C-alpha atoms as a PDB file:
ATOM      1  CA  MET A   1     -16.000 -29.602   9.633  1.00  0.00           C
ATOM      2  CA  LYS A   2     -14.601 -27.779   6.978  1.00  0.00           C
ATOM      3  CA  ILE A   3     -12.202 -29.602   4.295  1.00  0.00           C
ATOM      4  CA  VAL A   4     -10.230 -27.465   1.845  1.00  0.00           C
ATOM      5  CA  PHE A   5      -8.510 -29.373  -1.163  1.00  0.00           C
ATOM      6  CA  LEU A   6      -6.308 -27.003  -2.502  1.00  0.00           C
ATOM      7  CA  ASP A   7      -4.946 -28.768  -5.667  1.00  0.00           C
ATOM      8  CA  ALA A   8      -7.694 -31.299  -6.546  1.00  0.00           C
ATOM      9  CA  GLN A   9      -6.901 -31.475 -10.230  1.00  0.00           C
ATOM     10  CA  THR A  10      -3.908 -33.483  -9.393  1.00  0.00           C
ATOM     11  CA  LEU A  11      -6.098 -36.506  -9.141  1.00  0.00           C
ATOM     12  CA  GLY A  12      -7.941 -35.962 -12.364  1.00  0.00           C
ATOM     13  CA  ASN A  13     -11.480 -36.109 -13.087  1.00  0.00           C
ATOM     14  CA  ASP A  14     -12.021 -39.786 -13.792  1.00  0.00           C
ATOM     15  CA  VAL A  15     -12.154 -40.688  -9.766  1.00  0.00           C
ATOM     16  CA  SER A  16     -14.828 -39.829  -7.365  1.00  0.00           C
ATOM     17  CA  LEU A  17     -13.958 -37.832  -4.110  1.00  0.00           C
ATOM     18  CA  GLU A  18     -16.962 -38.708  -2.560  1.00  0.00           C
ATOM     19  CA  SER A  19     -15.800 -40.531   0.428  1.00  0.00           C
ATOM     20  CA  VAL A  20     -13.721 -37.310   0.988  1.00  0.00           C
ATOM     21  CA  SER A  21     -16.246 -34.598   0.370  1.00  0.00           C
ATOM     22  CA  SER A  22     -18.890 -36.314   2.631  1.00  0.00           C
ATOM     23  CA  LEU A  23     -17.093 -36.269   5.814  1.00  0.00           C
ATOM     24  CA  GLY A  24     -18.003 -32.183   6.162  1.00  0.00           C
ATOM     25  CA  GLU A  25     -18.229 -28.835   4.521  1.00  0.00           C
ATOM     26  CA  TYR A  26     -16.095 -29.700   1.376  1.00  0.00           C
ATOM     27  CA  VAL A  27     -14.267 -26.989  -0.976  1.00  0.00           C
ATOM     28  CA  ALA A  28     -11.953 -28.018  -3.666  1.00  0.00           C
ATOM     29  CA  TYR A  29      -9.541 -25.734  -5.819  1.00  0.00           C
ATOM     30  CA  PRO A  30      -8.416 -27.211  -9.228  1.00  0.00           C
ATOM     31  CA  ALA A  31      -5.075 -25.490  -8.382  1.00  0.00           C
ATOM     32  CA  THR A  32      -3.563 -23.065  -5.751  1.00  0.00           C
ATOM     33  CA  SER A  33      -1.140 -20.331  -6.200  1.00  0.00           C
ATOM     34  CA  PRO A  34       1.230 -19.547  -3.272  1.00  0.00           C
ATOM     35  CA  GLU A  35      -0.290 -16.184  -3.052  1.00  0.00           C
ATOM     36  CA  LYS A  36      -3.404 -17.627  -2.792  1.00  0.00           C
ATOM     37  CA  THR A  37      -2.985 -20.436  -0.279  1.00  0.00           C
ATOM     38  CA  ALA A  38      -3.734 -18.455   2.870  1.00  0.00           C
ATOM     39  CA  GLU A  39      -7.110 -16.839   1.712  1.00  0.00           C
ATOM     40  CA  ARG A  40      -8.353 -20.147   0.516  1.00  0.00           C
ATOM     41  CA  ILE A  41      -7.590 -22.041   3.983  1.00  0.00           C
ATOM     42  CA  GLN A  42      -9.447 -19.569   5.836  1.00  0.00           C
ATOM     43  CA  GLY A  43     -11.966 -21.475   8.234  1.00  0.00           C
ATOM     44  CA  ALA A  44     -10.670 -24.860   7.524  1.00  0.00           C
ATOM     45  CA  ASP A  45     -10.297 -27.599  10.180  1.00  0.00           C
ATOM     46  CA  VAL A  46      -8.555 -29.610   7.421  1.00  0.00           C
ATOM     47  CA  VAL A  47      -6.462 -28.794   4.388  1.00  0.00           C
ATOM     48  CA  ILE A  48      -5.665 -31.325   1.610  1.00  0.00           C
ATOM     49  CA  THR A  49      -2.372 -30.773  -0.770  1.00  0.00           C
ATOM     50  CA  ASN A  50      -0.729 -32.611  -2.721  1.00  0.00           C
ATOM     51  CA  LYS A  51       2.137 -30.092  -4.071  1.00  0.00           C
ATOM     52  CA  VAL A  52       0.800 -27.021  -2.773  1.00  0.00           C
ATOM     53  CA  TYR A  53       3.170 -25.692   0.124  1.00  0.00           C
ATOM     54  CA  MET A  54       2.060 -25.696   3.548  1.00  0.00           C
ATOM     55  CA  GLY A  55       4.612 -23.530   5.786  1.00  0.00           C
ATOM     56  CA  LYS A  56       4.749 -21.169   8.778  1.00  0.00           C
ATOM     57  CA  GLU A  57       2.978 -18.525   6.885  1.00  0.00           C
ATOM     58  CA  GLN A  58       0.240 -20.644   5.611  1.00  0.00           C
ATOM     59  CA  ILE A  59      -0.273 -22.480   8.870  1.00  0.00           C
ATOM     60  CA  ASP A  60      -0.337 -19.122  10.950  1.00  0.00           C
ATOM     61  CA  SER A  61      -2.903 -17.950   8.727  1.00  0.00           C
ATOM     62  CA  CYS A  62      -5.687 -20.291   9.642  1.00  0.00           C
ATOM     63  CA  PRO A  63      -6.009 -20.742  13.516  1.00  0.00           C
ATOM     64  CA  THR A  64      -8.530 -23.262  12.890  1.00  0.00           C
ATOM     65  CA  LEU A  65      -6.678 -25.629  11.231  1.00  0.00           C
ATOM     66  CA  LYS A  66      -6.170 -29.011  13.358  1.00  0.00           C
ATOM     67  CA  LEU A  67      -4.974 -31.518  10.255  1.00  0.00           C
ATOM     68  CA  ILE A  68      -2.957 -31.416   7.199  1.00  0.00           C
ATOM     69  CA  CYS A  69      -3.409 -34.362   4.744  1.00  0.00           C
ATOM     70  CA  VAL A  70      -0.927 -34.650   1.935  1.00  0.00           C
ATOM     71  CA  ALA A  71      -2.244 -36.518  -1.158  1.00  0.00           C
ATOM     72  CA  ALA A  72       0.994 -38.236  -1.809  1.00  0.00           C
ATOM     73  CA  THR A  73       3.563 -40.157   0.170  1.00  0.00           C
ATOM     74  CA  GLY A  74       6.510 -37.268   0.265  1.00  0.00           C
ATOM     75  CA  THR A  75       5.788 -34.592   2.743  1.00  0.00           C
ATOM     76  CA  ASN A  76       8.520 -32.501   1.509  1.00  0.00           C
ATOM     77  CA  ASN A  77       5.746 -29.513   0.627  1.00  0.00           C
ATOM     78  CA  VAL A  78       4.877 -29.449   4.332  1.00  0.00           C
ATOM     79  CA  ASP A  79       7.049 -27.850   7.060  1.00  0.00           C
ATOM     80  CA  MET A  80       6.822 -30.906   9.428  1.00  0.00           C
ATOM     81  CA  GLU A  81       8.742 -29.277  12.275  1.00  0.00           C
ATOM     82  CA  TYR A  82       6.493 -26.153  12.362  1.00  0.00           C
ATOM     83  CA  ALA A  83       3.315 -28.012  11.868  1.00  0.00           C
ATOM     84  CA  ALA A  84       4.562 -30.328  15.166  1.00  0.00           C
ATOM     85  CA  SER A  85       5.312 -27.341  17.218  1.00  0.00           C
ATOM     86  CA  LYS A  86       1.557 -26.236  16.695  1.00  0.00           C
ATOM     87  CA  GLY A  87       0.036 -29.377  17.594  1.00  0.00           C
ATOM     88  CA  ILE A  88      -1.100 -29.836  13.687  1.00  0.00           C
ATOM     89  CA  PRO A  89      -0.707 -33.441  12.834  1.00  0.00           C
ATOM     90  CA  VAL A  90       0.349 -34.152   8.883  1.00  0.00           C
ATOM     91  CA  ARG A  91      -0.778 -37.301   7.659  1.00  0.00           C
ATOM     92  CA  ASN A  92       0.554 -38.698   4.187  1.00  0.00           C
ATOM     93  CA  ALA A  93      -0.659 -41.540   2.166  1.00  0.00           C
ATOM     94  CA  VAL A  94       1.753 -44.644   2.323  1.00  0.00           C
ATOM     95  CA  ASN A  95       1.745 -47.593  -0.217  1.00  0.00           C
ATOM     96  CA  TYR A  96      -0.839 -46.502  -2.585  1.00  0.00           C
ATOM     97  CA  SER A  97       0.693 -46.655  -5.315  1.00  0.00           C
ATOM     98  CA  THR A  98       3.106 -49.417  -5.356  1.00  0.00           C
ATOM     99  CA  GLU A  99       2.056 -51.174  -8.158  1.00  0.00           C
ATOM    100  CA  SER A 100       1.488 -48.174 -10.443  1.00  0.00           C
ATOM    101  CA  VAL A 101       5.325 -46.601 -10.042  1.00  0.00           C
ATOM    102  CA  ALA A 102       6.496 -50.309 -10.377  1.00  0.00           C
ATOM    103  CA  GLN A 103       4.735 -50.794 -13.636  1.00  0.00           C
ATOM    104  CA  VAL A 104       5.873 -47.451 -15.200  1.00  0.00           C
ATOM    105  CA  THR A 105       9.347 -48.385 -13.898  1.00  0.00           C
ATOM    106  CA  PHE A 106       9.470 -51.476 -16.034  1.00  0.00           C
ATOM    107  CA  MET A 107       7.772 -49.452 -18.960  1.00  0.00           C
ATOM    108  CA  HIS A 108      10.860 -47.125 -18.910  1.00  0.00           C
ATOM    109  CA  ILE A 109      13.232 -50.194 -18.439  1.00  0.00           C
ATOM    110  CA  LEU A 110      11.721 -52.378 -21.314  1.00  0.00           C
ATOM    111  CA  ASN A 111      11.438 -49.202 -23.881  1.00  0.00           C
ATOM    112  CA  LEU A 112      15.451 -48.555 -23.269  1.00  0.00           C
ATOM    113  CA  VAL A 113      16.533 -51.859 -23.354  1.00  0.00           C
ATOM    114  CA  GLY A 114      14.420 -53.055 -25.818  1.00  0.00           C
ATOM    115  CA  LYS A 115      15.152 -49.941 -27.994  1.00  0.00           C
ATOM    116  CA  GLY A 116      11.373 -49.650 -28.281  1.00  0.00           C
ATOM    117  CA  PHE A 117      11.573 -45.872 -29.701  1.00  0.00           C
ATOM    118  CA  TYR A 118      13.882 -46.710 -32.572  1.00  0.00           C
ATOM    119  CA  PHE A 119      11.856 -49.904 -33.884  1.00  0.00           C
ATOM    120  CA  ASP A 120       8.562 -48.150 -33.410  1.00  0.00           C
ATOM    121  CA  ASN A 121      10.102 -45.387 -35.451  1.00  0.00           C
ATOM    122  CA  TYR A 122      11.649 -47.743 -38.357  1.00  0.00           C
ATOM    123  CA  VAL A 123       8.060 -49.445 -38.959  1.00  0.00           C
ATOM    124  CA  LYS A 124       6.265 -46.015 -39.076  1.00  0.00           C
ATOM    125  CA  CYS A 125       8.624 -44.122 -41.115  1.00  0.00           C
ATOM    126  CA  GLY A 126       8.675 -46.352 -43.839  1.00  0.00           C
ATOM    127  CA  GLU A 127      12.142 -47.844 -43.804  1.00  0.00           C
ATOM    128  CA  TYR A 128      10.758 -51.269 -42.821  1.00  0.00           C
ATOM    129  CA  SER A 129       8.734 -51.150 -45.997  1.00  0.00           C
ATOM    130  CA  ASP A 130      11.762 -50.388 -47.877  1.00  0.00           C
ATOM    131  CA  SER A 131      14.257 -52.712 -46.390  1.00  0.00           C
ATOM    132  CA  GLY A 132      13.146 -55.936 -48.188  1.00  0.00           C
ATOM    133  CA  CYS A 133      13.854 -57.781 -44.931  1.00  0.00           C
ATOM    134  CA  PHE A 134      11.453 -59.177 -42.363  1.00  0.00           C
ATOM    135  CA  THR A 135      13.297 -57.836 -39.504  1.00  0.00           C
ATOM    136  CA  ASN A 136      15.934 -55.465 -38.296  1.00  0.00           C
ATOM    137  CA  ALA A 137      19.143 -56.748 -36.391  1.00  0.00           C
ATOM    138  CA  VAL A 138      21.127 -53.339 -37.079  1.00  0.00           C
ATOM    139  CA  ASN A 139      19.953 -51.977 -33.556  1.00  0.00           C
ATOM    140  CA  PRO A 140      20.796 -55.204 -31.278  1.00  0.00           C
ATOM    141  CA  PHE A 141      19.149 -55.147 -27.550  1.00  0.00           C
ATOM    142  CA  PHE A 142      20.074 -57.111 -24.789  1.00  0.00           C
ATOM    143  CA  GLU A 143      17.697 -59.650 -22.673  1.00  0.00           C
ATOM    144  CA  LEU A 144      17.022 -58.486 -18.912  1.00  0.00           C
ATOM    145  CA  LYS A 145      17.704 -62.398 -17.803  1.00  0.00           C
ATOM    146  CA  GLY A 146      21.226 -62.585 -16.213  1.00  0.00           C
ATOM    147  CA  LYS A 147      21.719 -58.925 -16.122  1.00  0.00           C
ATOM    148  CA  LYS A 148      21.985 -56.878 -12.774  1.00  0.00           C
ATOM    149  CA  ILE A 149      19.714 -54.378 -11.620  1.00  0.00           C
ATOM    150  CA  GLY A 150      20.607 -52.075  -8.783  1.00  0.00           C
ATOM    151  CA  ILE A 151      18.064 -50.620  -6.658  1.00  0.00           C
ATOM    152  CA  VAL A 152      18.463 -47.017  -4.957  1.00  0.00           C
ATOM    153  CA  GLY A 153      16.029 -47.238  -2.001  1.00  0.00           C
ATOM    154  CA  LEU A 154      14.859 -50.605  -1.303  1.00  0.00           C
ATOM    155  CA  GLY A 155      11.409 -49.378   0.311  1.00  0.00           C
ATOM    156  CA  ASN A 156       7.965 -50.606  -0.382  1.00  0.00           C
ATOM    157  CA  ILE A 157       8.203 -49.481  -4.367  1.00  0.00           C
ATOM    158  CA  GLY A 158      11.843 -50.762  -4.573  1.00  0.00           C
ATOM    159  CA  SER A 159      11.314 -54.221  -3.271  1.00  0.00           C
ATOM    160  CA  ARG A 160       8.301 -54.339  -5.584  1.00  0.00           C
ATOM    161  CA  VAL A 161      10.778 -53.398  -8.304  1.00  0.00           C
ATOM    162  CA  ALA A 162      13.113 -56.111  -7.037  1.00  0.00           C
ATOM    163  CA  ALA A 163      10.402 -58.803  -7.051  1.00  0.00           C
ATOM    164  CA  ILE A 164       9.647 -58.179 -10.827  1.00  0.00           C
ATOM    165  CA  ALA A 165      13.116 -58.089 -11.875  1.00  0.00           C
ATOM    166  CA  SER A 166      13.879 -61.284 -10.315  1.00  0.00           C
ATOM    167  CA  ALA A 167      10.881 -62.701 -12.347  1.00  0.00           C
ATOM    168  CA  PHE A 168      12.526 -61.629 -15.499  1.00  0.00           C
ATOM    169  CA  GLY A 169      15.901 -63.400 -14.030  1.00  0.00           C
ATOM    170  CA  MET A 170      18.111 -60.773 -12.992  1.00  0.00           C
ATOM    171  CA  GLU A 171      20.235 -60.516 -10.265  1.00  0.00           C
ATOM    172  CA  VAL A 172      19.213 -57.912  -7.661  1.00  0.00           C
ATOM    173  CA  VAL A 173      21.415 -55.688  -5.473  1.00  0.00           C
ATOM    174  CA  TYR A 174      20.626 -52.499  -3.899  1.00  0.00           C
ATOM    175  CA  TYR A 175      21.944 -49.405  -2.634  1.00  0.00           C
ATOM    176  CA  PRO A 176      20.834 -48.409   1.055  1.00  0.00           C
ATOM    177  CA  THR A 177      20.992 -44.453   1.123  1.00  0.00           C
ATOM    178  CA  SER A 178      21.279 -44.752   5.015  1.00  0.00           C
ATOM    179  CA  GLY A 179      24.273 -46.594   4.488  1.00  0.00           C
ATOM    180  CA  LYS A 180      22.834 -49.663   6.622  1.00  0.00           C
ATOM    181  CA  ALA A 181      21.784 -52.923   5.196  1.00  0.00           C
ATOM    182  CA  HIS A 182      18.516 -53.871   5.966  1.00  0.00           C
ATOM    183  CA  SER A 183      17.474 -57.006   3.567  1.00  0.00           C
ATOM    184  CA  ASP A 184      18.057 -60.498   4.068  1.00  0.00           C
ATOM    185  CA  GLN A 185      16.479 -61.264   0.370  1.00  0.00           C
ATOM    186  CA  TYR A 186      18.905 -59.070  -1.618  1.00  0.00           C
ATOM    187  CA  LYS A 187      22.282 -58.177  -1.738  1.00  0.00           C
ATOM    188  CA  ALA A 188      23.514 -54.541  -0.435  1.00  0.00           C
ATOM    189  CA  VAL A 189      26.214 -52.684  -1.627  1.00  0.00           C
ATOM    190  CA  THR A 190      27.066 -49.775   0.472  1.00  0.00           C
ATOM    191  CA  ASP A 191      29.669 -48.261  -1.751  1.00  0.00           C
ATOM    192  CA  LEU A 192      28.142 -46.077  -4.191  1.00  0.00           C
ATOM    193  CA  ASN A 193      30.742 -46.230  -6.892  1.00  0.00           C
ATOM    194  CA  GLU A 194      31.245 -49.942  -6.534  1.00  0.00           C
ATOM    195  CA  PHE A 195      27.508 -50.237  -6.674  1.00  0.00           C
ATOM    196  CA  LEU A 196      27.056 -48.339  -9.913  1.00  0.00           C
ATOM    197  CA  GLY A 197      30.008 -49.817 -11.662  1.00  0.00           C
ATOM    198  CA  GLN A 198      28.453 -53.282 -11.490  1.00  0.00           C
ATOM    199  CA  CYS A 199      24.676 -52.503 -12.672  1.00  0.00           C
ATOM    200  CA  ASP A 200      23.356 -53.030 -16.055  1.00  0.00           C
ATOM    201  CA  ILE A 201      20.283 -50.852 -14.948  1.00  0.00           C
ATOM    202  CA  VAL A 202      20.145 -48.511 -11.775  1.00  0.00           C
ATOM    203  CA  SER A 203      16.442 -47.645 -10.743  1.00  0.00           C
ATOM    204  CA  ILE A 204      15.946 -44.961  -8.402  1.00  0.00           C
ATOM    205  CA  HIS A 205      13.203 -45.408  -5.818  1.00  0.00           C
ATOM    206  CA  CYS A 206      14.457 -43.277  -2.638  1.00  0.00           C
ATOM    207  CA  PRO A 207      13.381 -40.159  -1.367  1.00  0.00           C
ATOM    208  CA  LEU A 208      14.986 -36.730  -1.600  1.00  0.00           C
ATOM    209  CA  ASN A 209      16.693 -35.735   1.394  1.00  0.00           C
ATOM    210  CA  ALA A 210      20.047 -34.463   2.637  1.00  0.00           C
ATOM    211  CA  LYS A 211      21.593 -37.818   1.895  1.00  0.00           C
ATOM    212  CA  THR A 212      20.035 -38.014  -1.540  1.00  0.00           C
ATOM    213  CA  ASN A 213      19.943 -34.564  -2.848  1.00  0.00           C
ATOM    214  CA  GLY A 214      22.617 -34.515  -5.811  1.00  0.00           C
ATOM    215  CA  LEU A 215      23.303 -38.097  -5.055  1.00  0.00           C
ATOM    216  CA  ILE A 216      24.466 -38.675  -8.709  1.00  0.00           C
ATOM    217  CA  GLY A 217      26.179 -36.534 -11.018  1.00  0.00           C
ATOM    218  CA  TYR A 218      28.426 -37.050 -13.857  1.00  0.00           C
ATOM    219  CA  GLU A 219      31.313 -38.395 -11.755  1.00  0.00           C
ATOM    220  CA  GLN A 220      29.050 -40.926 -10.521  1.00  0.00           C
ATOM    221  CA  LEU A 221      27.826 -41.579 -13.830  1.00  0.00           C
ATOM    222  CA  CYS A 222      31.188 -42.351 -15.221  1.00  0.00           C
ATOM    223  CA  LYS A 223      31.514 -45.258 -12.850  1.00  0.00           C
ATOM    224  CA  MET A 224      28.611 -46.923 -14.767  1.00  0.00           C
ATOM    225  CA  LYS A 225      29.085 -49.328 -17.720  1.00  0.00           C
ATOM    226  CA  ARG A 226      28.940 -47.450 -21.043  1.00  0.00           C
ATOM    227  CA  SER A 227      26.018 -49.954 -21.904  1.00  0.00           C
ATOM    228  CA  ALA A 228      24.154 -49.268 -18.462  1.00  0.00           C
ATOM    229  CA  TYR A 229      20.872 -47.594 -18.008  1.00  0.00           C
ATOM    230  CA  ILE A 230      19.464 -45.431 -15.263  1.00  0.00           C
ATOM    231  CA  VAL A 231      15.849 -44.913 -14.307  1.00  0.00           C
ATOM    232  CA  ASN A 232      14.848 -41.964 -11.670  1.00  0.00           C
ATOM    233  CA  MET A 233      11.552 -42.543 -10.217  1.00  0.00           C
ATOM    234  CA  GLY A 234      12.408 -41.412  -7.058  1.00  0.00           C
ATOM    235  CA  ARG A 235      12.659 -37.300  -7.074  1.00  0.00           C
ATOM    236  CA  GLY A 236      14.158 -35.089  -9.473  1.00  0.00           C
ATOM    237  CA  GLY A 237      16.871 -33.729  -7.436  1.00  0.00           C
ATOM    238  CA  ILE A 238      18.379 -36.916  -6.728  1.00  0.00           C
ATOM    239  CA  VAL A 239      20.068 -36.986 -10.272  1.00  0.00           C
ATOM    240  CA  ILE A 240      21.993 -33.612 -11.223  1.00  0.00           C
ATOM    241  CA  GLU A 241      19.887 -33.175 -14.475  1.00  0.00           C
ATOM    242  CA  ASP A 242      22.502 -31.198 -16.686  1.00  0.00           C
ATOM    243  CA  GLU A 243      25.335 -33.884 -15.317  1.00  0.00           C
ATOM    244  CA  LEU A 244      23.008 -36.429 -16.700  1.00  0.00           C
ATOM    245  CA  VAL A 245      22.543 -34.767 -20.153  1.00  0.00           C
ATOM    246  CA  LYS A 246      26.515 -34.264 -20.368  1.00  0.00           C
ATOM    247  CA  ALA A 247      26.780 -38.178 -19.825  1.00  0.00           C
ATOM    248  CA  LEU A 248      24.163 -38.980 -22.281  1.00  0.00           C
ATOM    249  CA  ASN A 249      25.660 -36.930 -24.886  1.00  0.00           C
ATOM    250  CA  ASP A 250      29.257 -38.146 -23.926  1.00  0.00           C
ATOM    251  CA  GLY A 251      28.451 -41.464 -24.448  1.00  0.00           C
ATOM    252  CA  VAL A 252      29.119 -42.253 -20.985  1.00  0.00           C
ATOM    253  CA  ILE A 253      26.054 -44.218 -20.297  1.00  0.00           C
ATOM    254  CA  ALA A 254      23.602 -46.031 -22.817  1.00  0.00           C
ATOM    255  CA  GLY A 255      20.464 -44.243 -21.928  1.00  0.00           C
ATOM    256  CA  ALA A 256      18.180 -42.880 -19.163  1.00  0.00           C
ATOM    257  CA  ALA A 257      14.777 -42.117 -17.895  1.00  0.00           C
ATOM    258  CA  SER A 258      12.847 -39.736 -15.842  1.00  0.00           C
ATOM    259  CA  ASP A 259       9.367 -39.609 -14.581  1.00  0.00           C
ATOM    260  CA  VAL A 260      10.415 -36.857 -11.777  1.00  0.00           C
ATOM    261  CA  PHE A 261      12.250 -33.327 -12.139  1.00  0.00           C
ATOM    262  CA  THR A 262      13.738 -30.959  -9.700  1.00  0.00           C
ATOM    263  CA  LYS A 263      10.887 -28.298 -11.005  1.00  0.00           C
ATOM    264  CA  GLU A 264       7.725 -29.938 -12.156  1.00  0.00           C
ATOM    265  CA  PRO A 265       6.726 -29.030 -14.641  1.00  0.00           C
ATOM    266  CA  PHE A 266       9.993 -27.908 -16.317  1.00  0.00           C
ATOM    267  CA  ALA A 267      10.686 -25.035 -18.434  1.00  0.00           C
ATOM    268  CA  PRO A 268      10.794 -25.567 -22.447  1.00  0.00           C
ATOM    269  CA  ASP A 269      14.669 -24.979 -22.161  1.00  0.00           C
ATOM    270  CA  HIS A 270      15.170 -28.065 -19.503  1.00  0.00           C
ATOM    271  CA  PRO A 271      18.468 -29.857 -19.810  1.00  0.00           C
ATOM    272  CA  TYR A 272      16.924 -32.829 -20.825  1.00  0.00           C
ATOM    273  CA  MET A 273      15.422 -31.289 -23.957  1.00  0.00           C
ATOM    274  CA  LYS A 274      19.150 -30.798 -24.935  1.00  0.00           C
ATOM    275  CA  VAL A 275      20.049 -34.485 -25.259  1.00  0.00           C
ATOM    276  CA  ALA A 276      21.466 -34.779 -28.737  1.00  0.00           C
ATOM    277  CA  ASP A 277      20.138 -38.410 -29.328  1.00  0.00           C
ATOM    278  CA  LYS A 278      16.358 -38.314 -28.068  1.00  0.00           C
ATOM    279  CA  SER A 279      16.408 -42.119 -28.445  1.00  0.00           C
ATOM    280  CA  ARG A 280      18.648 -42.048 -25.379  1.00  0.00           C
ATOM    281  CA  ILE A 281      16.248 -40.674 -22.902  1.00  0.00           C
ATOM    282  CA  ARG A 282      12.756 -41.391 -22.021  1.00  0.00           C
ATOM    283  CA  LEU A 283      10.490 -39.146 -20.267  1.00  0.00           C
ATOM    284  CA  THR A 284       7.310 -38.895 -18.665  1.00  0.00           C
ATOM    285  CA  PRO A 285       5.355 -36.084 -16.404  1.00  0.00           C
ATOM    286  CA  HIS A 286       5.567 -37.494 -13.246  1.00  0.00           C
ATOM    287  CA  ILE A 287       2.979 -40.165 -13.695  1.00  0.00           C
ATOM    288  CA  GLY A 288       4.405 -43.294 -11.852  1.00  0.00           C
ATOM    289  CA  TRP A 289       1.953 -42.755  -8.993  1.00  0.00           C
ATOM    290  CA  ALA A 290      -1.131 -41.889 -11.111  1.00  0.00           C
ATOM    291  CA  SER A 291      -2.582 -45.311 -12.078  1.00  0.00           C
ATOM    292  CA  LYS A 292      -6.590 -45.005 -11.722  1.00  0.00           C
ATOM    293  CA  GLU A 293      -6.340 -47.848  -9.405  1.00  0.00           C
ATOM    294  CA  ALA A 294      -3.643 -46.018  -7.028  1.00  0.00           C
ATOM    295  CA  ARG A 295      -5.466 -42.717  -7.330  1.00  0.00           C
ATOM    296  CA  GLU A 296      -8.730 -44.304  -6.041  1.00  0.00           C
ATOM    297  CA  CYS A 297      -6.654 -46.105  -3.396  1.00  0.00           C
ATOM    298  CA  LEU A 298      -4.919 -42.631  -2.405  1.00  0.00           C
ATOM    299  CA  ILE A 299      -8.504 -41.102  -1.839  1.00  0.00           C
ATOM    300  CA  GLU A 300      -9.758 -43.697   0.355  1.00  0.00           C
ATOM    301  CA  LYS A 301      -6.238 -43.555   2.544  1.00  0.00           C
ATOM    302  CA  ILE A 302      -7.194 -39.302   2.654  1.00  0.00           C
ATOM    303  CA  ALA A 303     -10.496 -40.089   3.839  1.00  0.00           C
ATOM    304  CA  GLU A 304      -9.310 -42.650   6.634  1.00  0.00           C
ATOM    305  CA  ASN A 305      -6.861 -40.196   7.672  1.00  0.00           C
ATOM    306  CA  ILE A 306      -9.559 -37.419   8.355  1.00  0.00           C
ATOM    307  CA  ARG A 307     -11.756 -40.057   9.941  1.00  0.00           C
ATOM    308  CA  GLN A 308      -9.182 -41.038  12.373  1.00  0.00           C
ATOM    309  CA  GLY A 309      -8.248 -37.314  12.888  1.00  0.00           C
ATOM    310  CA  TRP A 310     -11.442 -37.103  14.233  1.00  0.00           C
ATOM    311  CA  GLN A 311     -11.594 -40.025  16.629  1.00  0.00           C
END
């Protein structure tokens, strides 16, 4: 069995891929450009891809292909219908990064709500030393207890975020992107504008699809409280990026954070780089899924997917 991993560098160099590489003839490329994909998968039985696109052209170029393994949960980088029409199964990795994403979600929430950027800078720039006061009450923050968090997409990750929010004493509601309530534990709000209007924090954990693409733009953000925050841990296209920037610059909401972007990595002139008050936005380079433990779990799930494919 020949196994080709097209973008192995995405998993880092601090975790072992032995459980995958030991399953057959293994070839790993750090990264693969679109024009190189067809050439590199020649003779492969299994192709592993994190973000490299596998569509009709790529699939047709490899007549030996028997299995596509996605090194992620989302499968939007594979033409699923065409793969199915060719009898080629596509296996993704589910629920490997729940704890990692939930932790990064709260890293952003706590930094936004607690004004972490401001207070860190206040001390480091010397203002604290010059102030003559042991504390700083100029830039107040609010407690999470008693506040309402709204979760867009109450799947594995959204449910874990809800549980952590509950531990902080927050009230949890969720917006089901399917339009149908599916939880007995938390209240569903099926009207998006109503949902946004009542939340102090909105946390996004849904997949990108026809229903969620462009789900939240300036019009929707204007329904939120001026004191509210929004955190996007789902996919970049769910929030219209330039419209979020306008909302931040107009003071429509208090702040935002995003771990995901429409194009990754984004260009230097990305709209998020044009937020006037940088303390209003916190950005991370799509690292929510990538704790060491999550990546180790992901590798084991890829190996298991390959083993199951050959049973």
